[in-house]
Amino acid sequence: MSGTEHEAPKKLNSLRTAFGNEIELETDDGSVEVYDIKAEFQLGDRIYAALQSDPMRGEEDVELFRVIQVGGEPQLENIEDDEEWEAASEAYDDLLFATDERP
């Protein structure tokens, strides 16, 4: 993933525009879980989303997904590549720290 490692992430809002502040995802067992959209950002030529469910809130954990466009609608994909996930995770941290450093 050279080229995106030192790039600053760019904030986006296509998921919020399409779904509002929350999104429902189907779990492996077929149930539905509600996630808050914590951030959506572009890193290089890819778009990512950080989502957080109620149980994750206590630990300040987020799930990271790749955002793709299917028929003009945003869809979420799992990030399978460890290096890509690390880059997306660091970019999300950069977004958080950039906000925290401002007075």
Protein backbone atom coordinates (compact mmCIF):
# COMPACT_ATOMS: atom_id res chain seq x y z
CA MET A 1 0.00 0.00 0.00
CA SER A 2 2.77 2.40 -0.74
CA GLY A 3 1.59 5.87 -1.57
CA THR A 4 -1.27 5.88 0.95
CA GLU A 5 0.80 5.31 4.08
CA HIS A 6 1.58 8.99 4.71
CA GLU A 7 -1.44 10.50 3.04
CA ALA A 8 -3.87 12.49 5.14
CA PRO A 9 -7.37 10.99 5.11
CA LYS A 10 -10.14 13.09 3.60
CA LYS A 11 -13.49 13.13 5.45
CA LEU A 12 -16.56 12.08 3.47
CA ASN A 13 -20.30 11.77 4.16
CA SER A 14 -21.83 9.51 1.48
CA LEU A 15 -22.96 6.90 4.04
CA ARG A 16 -24.68 9.52 6.24
CA THR A 17 -26.30 11.01 3.15
CA ALA A 18 -27.61 7.58 2.13
CA PHE A 19 -28.47 6.09 5.56
CA GLY A 20 -28.43 8.82 8.25
CA ASN A 21 -26.26 8.53 11.37
CA GLU A 22 -26.88 4.79 11.83
CA ILE A 23 -26.66 1.76 9.61
CA GLU A 24 -28.06 -1.74 10.13
CA LEU A 25 -25.85 -4.69 9.28
CA GLU A 26 -26.77 -8.35 9.17
CA THR A 27 -24.56 -10.54 11.37
CA ASP A 28 -23.30 -14.03 10.53
CA ASP A 29 -26.24 -15.58 12.41
CA GLY A 30 -28.79 -13.55 10.41
CA SER A 31 -29.68 -11.06 13.14
CA VAL A 32 -29.44 -7.31 12.58
CA GLU A 33 -27.12 -5.04 14.55
CA VAL A 34 -27.27 -1.24 14.53
CA TYR A 35 -24.01 0.70 14.14
CA ASP A 36 -23.29 4.41 14.50
CA ILE A 37 -21.34 5.84 11.59
CA LYS A 38 -18.33 7.28 13.44
CA ALA A 39 -16.36 8.36 10.37
CA GLU A 40 -16.10 7.93 6.64
CA PHE A 41 -12.90 8.86 4.88
CA GLN A 42 -10.94 8.50 1.69
CA LEU A 43 -7.37 7.25 1.76
CA GLY A 44 -5.73 7.16 -1.64
CA ASP A 45 -8.29 5.82 -4.10
CA ARG A 46 -10.25 3.86 -1.48
CA ILE A 47 -13.03 4.89 0.89
CA TYR A 48 -13.42 3.50 4.40
CA ALA A 49 -15.99 3.67 7.18
CA ALA A 50 -15.54 3.32 10.94
CA LEU A 51 -18.71 1.94 12.55
CA GLN A 52 -19.50 1.36 16.22
CA SER A 53 -22.25 -0.74 17.82
CA ASP A 54 -23.57 -0.17 21.36
CA PRO A 55 -21.51 -3.04 22.85
CA MET A 56 -18.34 -1.62 21.24
CA ARG A 57 -18.90 1.85 22.71
CA GLY A 58 -17.62 0.92 26.19
CA GLU A 59 -14.28 -0.21 24.78
CA GLU A 60 -14.10 2.65 22.24
CA ASP A 61 -13.71 -0.02 19.53
CA VAL A 62 -14.81 0.42 15.92
CA GLU A 63 -15.24 -1.89 12.96
CA LEU A 64 -13.54 -0.75 9.76
CA PHE A 65 -15.05 -1.44 6.34
CA ARG A 66 -14.22 -0.53 2.77
CA VAL A 67 -16.97 1.48 1.06
CA ILE A 68 -17.71 0.68 -2.57
CA GLN A 69 -20.35 1.98 -4.96
CA VAL A 70 -22.81 -0.55 -6.39
CA GLY A 71 -25.39 0.87 -8.76
CA GLY A 72 -24.72 4.35 -7.41
CA GLU A 73 -25.35 3.27 -3.80
CA PRO A 74 -22.66 2.89 -1.13
CA GLN A 75 -22.07 -0.69 0.07
CA LEU A 76 -19.73 -2.04 2.76
CA GLU A 77 -17.05 -4.69 2.27
CA ASN A 78 -14.87 -6.41 4.83
CA ILE A 79 -11.18 -5.51 4.69
CA GLU A 80 -9.39 -8.83 4.25
CA ASP A 81 -5.83 -7.57 3.74
CA ASP A 82 -3.94 -6.90 7.00
CA GLU A 83 -1.82 -4.09 5.52
CA GLU A 84 -4.88 -2.34 4.11
CA TRP A 85 -6.67 -2.69 7.47
CA GLU A 86 -3.63 -1.22 9.30
CA ALA A 87 -3.51 1.74 6.89
CA ALA A 88 -7.25 2.38 7.35
CA SER A 89 -6.91 2.06 11.13
CA GLU A 90 -4.02 4.55 11.24
CA ALA A 91 -5.97 6.96 9.03
CA TYR A 92 -8.97 6.73 11.39
CA ASP A 93 -6.67 7.45 14.34
CA ASP A 94 -5.26 10.44 12.43
CA LEU A 95 -8.80 11.78 12.02
CA LEU A 96 -9.43 11.43 15.75
CA PHE A 97 -6.16 13.04 16.78
CA ALA A 98 -6.56 15.88 14.30
CA THR A 99 -9.90 16.71 15.95
CA ASP A 100 -8.54 16.30 19.50
CA GLU A 101 -5.58 18.64 18.95
CA ARG A 102 -7.70 21.65 18.07
CA PRO A 103 -8.55 24.03 20.93
